[in-house]
């Protein structure tokens, strides 16, 4: 099963939108369709390398 995902490979690099493989749900799990999501502003600072280890 494939899905689209925003992927951050390392801090300070751009976030890319990629198609990634997703394992089907196992027993006791469910698959949820996400229509929209948000990002916390502090997560953006982690992504651009302004926060995190060594800072």
PDB file of N, CA and C in Angstrom:
ATOM      1  N   UNK A   1       0.845  -1.154   0.000  1.00  0.00           N
ATOM      2  CA  UNK A   1       0.000   0.000   0.000  1.00  0.00           C
ATOM      3  C   UNK A   1       0.904   1.234   0.000  1.00  0.00           C
ATOM      4  N   UNK A   2       0.571   2.226  -0.798  1.00  0.00           N
ATOM      5  CA  UNK A   2       1.358   3.447  -0.889  1.00  0.00           C
ATOM      6  C   UNK A   2       0.621   4.610  -0.259  1.00  0.00           C
ATOM      7  N   UNK A   3       1.387   5.586   0.228  1.00  0.00           N
ATOM      8  CA  UNK A   3       0.799   6.820   0.751  1.00  0.00           C
ATOM      9  C   UNK A   3       1.749   7.969   0.466  1.00  0.00           C
ATOM     10  N   UNK A   4       1.231   9.178   0.465  1.00  0.00           N
ATOM     11  CA  UNK A   4       2.054  10.375   0.317  1.00  0.00           C
ATOM     12  C   UNK A   4       2.452  10.838   1.708  1.00  0.00           C
ATOM     13  N   UNK A   5       3.714  11.254   1.875  1.00  0.00           N
ATOM     14  CA  UNK A   5       4.213  11.672   3.182  1.00  0.00           C
ATOM     15  C   UNK A   5       5.173  12.843   3.028  1.00  0.00           C
ATOM     16  N   UNK A   6       5.157  13.740   4.006  1.00  0.00           N
ATOM     17  CA  UNK A   6       6.171  14.787   4.097  1.00  0.00           C
ATOM     18  C   UNK A   6       7.347  14.169   4.838  1.00  0.00           C
ATOM     19  N   UNK A   7       8.535  14.198   4.227  1.00  0.00           N
ATOM     20  CA  UNK A   7       9.697  13.489   4.771  1.00  0.00           C
ATOM     21  C   UNK A   7      10.837  14.475   5.020  1.00  0.00           C
ATOM     22  N   UNK A   8      11.388  14.422   6.238  1.00  0.00           N
ATOM     23  CA  UNK A   8      12.575  15.201   6.583  1.00  0.00           C
ATOM     24  C   UNK A   8      13.713  14.217   6.774  1.00  0.00           C
ATOM     25  N   UNK A   9      14.698  14.245   5.902  1.00  0.00           N
ATOM     26  CA  UNK A   9      15.817  13.299   5.962  1.00  0.00           C
ATOM     27  C   UNK A   9      16.859  13.705   7.001  1.00  0.00           C
ATOM     28  N   UNK A  10      17.090  15.016   7.162  1.00  0.00           N
ATOM     29  CA  UNK A  10      18.030  15.500   8.177  1.00  0.00           C
ATOM     30  C   UNK A  10      17.744  16.976   8.445  1.00  0.00           C
ATOM     31  N   UNK A  11      18.014  17.443   9.678  1.00  0.00           N
ATOM     32  CA  UNK A  11      17.775  18.849  10.011  1.00  0.00           C
ATOM     33  C   UNK A  11      18.541  19.778   9.072  1.00  0.00           C
ATOM     34  N   UNK A  12      17.899  20.884   8.740  1.00  0.00           N
ATOM     35  CA  UNK A  12      18.524  21.868   7.866  1.00  0.00           C
ATOM     36  C   UNK A  12      18.299  21.625   6.388  1.00  0.00           C
ATOM     37  N   UNK A  13      17.762  20.471   6.031  1.00  0.00           N
ATOM     38  CA  UNK A  13      17.458  20.152   4.636  1.00  0.00           C
ATOM     39  C   UNK A  13      15.964  20.368   4.409  1.00  0.00           C
ATOM     40  N   UNK A  14      15.548  20.605   3.175  1.00  0.00           N
ATOM     41  CA  UNK A  14      14.122  20.812   2.922  1.00  0.00           C
ATOM     42  C   UNK A  14      13.289  19.550   3.171  1.00  0.00           C
ATOM     43  N   UNK A  15      12.050  19.771   3.540  1.00  0.00           N
ATOM     44  CA  UNK A  15      11.081  18.676   3.656  1.00  0.00           C
ATOM     45  C   UNK A  15      10.603  18.360   2.241  1.00  0.00           C
ATOM     46  N   UNK A  16      10.545  17.077   1.903  1.00  0.00           N
ATOM     47  CA  UNK A  16      10.070  16.680   0.578  1.00  0.00           C
ATOM     48  C   UNK A  16       8.781  15.879   0.721  1.00  0.00           C
ATOM     49  N   UNK A  17       7.951  15.942  -0.304  1.00  0.00           N
ATOM     50  CA  UNK A  17       6.736  15.137  -0.349  1.00  0.00           C
ATOM     51  C   UNK A  17       7.044  13.926  -1.211  1.00  0.00           C
ATOM     52  N   UNK A  18       6.885  12.735  -0.624  1.00  0.00           N
ATOM     53  CA  UNK A  18       7.259  11.500  -1.306  1.00  0.00           C
ATOM     54  C   UNK A  18       6.149  10.462  -1.199  1.00  0.00           C
ATOM     55  N   UNK A  19       6.156   9.529  -2.117  1.00  0.00           N
ATOM     56  CA  UNK A  19       5.293   8.360  -2.016  1.00  0.00           C
ATOM     57  C   UNK A  19       6.086   7.289  -1.278  1.00  0.00           C
ATOM     58  N   UNK A  20       5.532   6.785  -0.184  1.00  0.00           N
ATOM     59  CA  UNK A  20       6.217   5.771   0.625  1.00  0.00           C
ATOM     60  C   UNK A  20       5.325   4.544   0.760  1.00  0.00           C
ATOM     61  N   UNK A  21       5.939   3.413   1.020  1.00  0.00           N
ATOM     62  CA  UNK A  21       5.191   2.174   1.212  1.00  0.00           C
ATOM     63  C   UNK A  21       4.701   2.092   2.652  1.00  0.00           C
ATOM     64  N   UNK A  22       3.486   1.622   2.820  1.00  0.00           N
ATOM     65  CA  UNK A  22       2.868   1.467   4.128  1.00  0.00           C
ATOM     66  C   UNK A  22       2.386   0.030   4.256  1.00  0.00           C
ATOM     67  N   UNK A  23       2.789  -0.628   5.324  1.00  0.00           N
ATOM     68  CA  UNK A  23       2.328  -2.004   5.552  1.00  0.00           C
ATOM     69  C   UNK A  23       0.827  -1.982   5.844  1.00  0.00           C
ATOM     70  N   UNK A  24       0.083  -2.972   5.363  1.00  0.00           N
ATOM     71  CA  UNK A  24      -1.345  -3.024   5.670  1.00  0.00           C
ATOM     72  C   UNK A  24      -1.557  -3.213   7.173  1.00  0.00           C
ATOM     73  N   UNK A  25      -2.707  -2.768   7.682  1.00  0.00           N
ATOM     74  CA  UNK A  25      -2.972  -2.926   9.113  1.00  0.00           C
ATOM     75  C   UNK A  25      -2.948  -4.398   9.526  1.00  0.00           C
ATOM     76  N   UNK A  26      -2.397  -4.650  10.705  1.00  0.00           N
ATOM     77  CA  UNK A  26      -2.378  -6.006  11.260  1.00  0.00           C
ATOM     78  C   UNK A  26      -3.589  -6.180  12.173  1.00  0.00           C
ATOM     79  N   UNK A  27      -3.739  -7.365  12.674  1.00  0.00           N
ATOM     80  CA  UNK A  27      -4.853  -7.673  13.570  1.00  0.00           C
ATOM     81  C   UNK A  27      -4.858  -6.684  14.741  1.00  0.00           C
ATOM     82  N   UNK A  28      -6.005  -6.088  15.011  1.00  0.00           N
ATOM     83  CA  UNK A  28      -6.144  -5.133  16.106  1.00  0.00           C
ATOM     84  C   UNK A  28      -5.793  -3.702  15.724  1.00  0.00           C
ATOM     85  N   UNK A  29      -5.356  -3.473  14.476  1.00  0.00           N
ATOM     86  CA  UNK A  29      -5.019  -2.133  14.001  1.00  0.00           C
ATOM     87  C   UNK A  29      -6.073  -1.662  13.006  1.00  0.00           C
ATOM     88  N   UNK A  30      -6.102  -0.359  12.757  1.00  0.00           N
ATOM     89  CA  UNK A  30      -7.007   0.208  11.755  1.00  0.00           C
ATOM     90  C   UNK A  30      -6.208   1.145  10.857  1.00  0.00           C
ATOM     91  N   UNK A  31      -6.703   1.375   9.669  1.00  0.00           N
ATOM     92  CA  UNK A  31      -6.116   2.331   8.743  1.00  0.00           C
ATOM     93  C   UNK A  31      -7.006   3.568   8.742  1.00  0.00           C
ATOM     94  N   UNK A  32      -6.418   4.735   8.970  1.00  0.00           N
ATOM     95  CA  UNK A  32      -7.168   5.989   9.045  1.00  0.00           C
ATOM     96  C   UNK A  32      -6.749   6.880   7.883  1.00  0.00           C
ATOM     97  N   UNK A  33      -7.717   7.402   7.155  1.00  0.00           N
ATOM     98  CA  UNK A  33      -7.422   8.340   6.066  1.00  0.00           C
ATOM     99  C   UNK A  33      -7.305   9.739   6.664  1.00  0.00           C
ATOM    100  N   UNK A  34      -6.154  10.366   6.498  1.00  0.00           N
ATOM    101  CA  UNK A  34      -5.926  11.722   6.995  1.00  0.00           C
ATOM    102  C   UNK A  34      -6.120  12.682   5.829  1.00  0.00           C
ATOM    103  N   UNK A  35      -7.017  13.639   6.015  1.00  0.00           N
ATOM    104  CA  UNK A  35      -7.323  14.592   4.956  1.00  0.00           C
ATOM    105  C   UNK A  35      -6.472  15.856   5.102  1.00  0.00           C
ATOM    106  N   UNK A  36      -6.178  16.246   6.336  1.00  0.00           N
ATOM    107  CA  UNK A  36      -5.369  17.438   6.590  1.00  0.00           C
ATOM    108  C   UNK A  36      -4.605  17.248   7.891  1.00  0.00           C
ATOM    109  N   UNK A  37      -3.473  17.916   7.997  1.00  0.00           N
ATOM    110  CA  UNK A  37      -2.662  17.852   9.215  1.00  0.00           C
ATOM    111  C   UNK A  37      -1.950  19.183   9.391  1.00  0.00           C
ATOM    112  N   UNK A  38      -1.496  19.432  10.599  1.00  0.00           N
ATOM    113  CA  UNK A  38      -0.764  20.657  10.889  1.00  0.00           C
ATOM    114  C   UNK A  38       0.615  20.335  11.430  1.00  0.00           C
ATOM    115  N   UNK A  39       1.462  21.345  11.446  1.00  0.00           N
ATOM    116  CA  UNK A  39       2.811  21.197  11.978  1.00  0.00           C
ATOM    117  C   UNK A  39       3.011  22.273  13.036  1.00  0.00           C
ATOM    118  N   UNK A  40       3.491  21.872  14.199  1.00  0.00           N
ATOM    119  CA  UNK A  40       3.789  22.808  15.273  1.00  0.00           C
ATOM    120  C   UNK A  40       4.963  23.695  14.845  1.00  0.00           C
ATOM    121  N   UNK A  41       4.910  24.967  15.207  1.00  0.00           N
ATOM    122  CA  UNK A  41       5.970  25.894  14.806  1.00  0.00           C
ATOM    123  C   UNK A  41       7.334  25.442  15.328  1.00  0.00           C
ATOM    124  N   UNK A  42       7.378  24.860  16.530  1.00  0.00           N
ATOM    125  CA  UNK A  42       8.666  24.381  17.055  1.00  0.00           C
ATOM    126  C   UNK A  42       9.213  23.229  16.208  1.00  0.00           C
ATOM    127  N   UNK A  43       8.340  22.437  15.598  1.00  0.00           N
ATOM    128  CA  UNK A  43       8.800  21.376  14.697  1.00  0.00           C
ATOM    129  C   UNK A  43       9.510  21.965  13.476  1.00  0.00           C
ATOM    130  N   UNK A  44       9.051  23.128  13.021  1.00  0.00           N
ATOM    131  CA  UNK A  44       9.723  23.785  11.894  1.00  0.00           C
ATOM    132  C   UNK A  44      11.141  24.194  12.284  1.00  0.00           C
ATOM    133  N   UNK A  45      11.320  24.645  13.533  1.00  0.00           N
ATOM    134  CA  UNK A  45      12.661  25.001  14.003  1.00  0.00           C
ATOM    135  C   UNK A  45      13.550  23.756  14.106  1.00  0.00           C
ATOM    136  N   UNK A  46      12.986  22.623  14.500  1.00  0.00           N
ATOM    137  CA  UNK A  46      13.757  21.374  14.502  1.00  0.00           C
ATOM    138  C   UNK A  46      14.167  21.007  13.081  1.00  0.00           C
ATOM    139  N   UNK A  47      13.245  21.172  12.143  1.00  0.00           N
ATOM    140  CA  UNK A  47      13.524  20.818  10.751  1.00  0.00           C
ATOM    141  C   UNK A  47      14.604  21.704  10.143  1.00  0.00           C
ATOM    142  N   UNK A  48      14.606  23.003  10.497  1.00  0.00           N
ATOM    143  CA  UNK A  48      15.613  23.887   9.893  1.00  0.00           C
ATOM    144  C   UNK A  48      16.936  23.884  10.652  1.00  0.00           C
ATOM    145  N   UNK A  49      17.012  23.073  11.723  1.00  0.00           N
ATOM    146  CA  UNK A  49      18.262  22.915  12.459  1.00  0.00           C
ATOM    147  C   UNK A  49      18.481  23.937  13.554  1.00  0.00           C
ATOM    148  N   UNK A  50      17.486  24.821  13.806  1.00  0.00           N
ATOM    149  CA  UNK A  50      17.639  25.855  14.831  1.00  0.00           C
ATOM    150  C   UNK A  50      17.473  25.298  16.243  1.00  0.00           C
ATOM    151  N   UNK A  51      16.838  24.148  16.386  1.00  0.00           N
ATOM    152  CA  UNK A  51      16.661  23.480  17.678  1.00  0.00           C
ATOM    153  C   UNK A  51      17.189  22.062  17.569  1.00  0.00           C
ATOM    154  N   UNK A  52      17.443  21.461  18.721  1.00  0.00           N
ATOM    155  CA  UNK A  52      17.844  20.059  18.731  1.00  0.00           C
ATOM    156  C   UNK A  52      19.201  19.853  19.360  1.00  0.00           C
ATOM    157  N   UNK A  53      19.728  18.644  19.258  1.00  0.00           N
ATOM    158  CA  UNK A  53      21.021  18.324  19.863  1.00  0.00           C
ATOM    159  C   UNK A  53      22.124  19.276  19.389  1.00  0.00           C
ATOM    160  N   UNK A  54      22.927  19.726  20.323  1.00  0.00           N
ATOM    161  CA  UNK A  54      24.029  20.609  19.977  1.00  0.00           C
ATOM    162  C   UNK A  54      23.654  22.067  19.868  1.00  0.00           C
ATOM    163  N   UNK A  55      22.400  22.400  20.170  1.00  0.00           N
ATOM    164  CA  UNK A  55      21.947  23.803  20.098  1.00  0.00           C
ATOM    165  C   UNK A  55      21.753  24.371  21.463  1.00  0.00           C
TER     166      UNK A  55
END
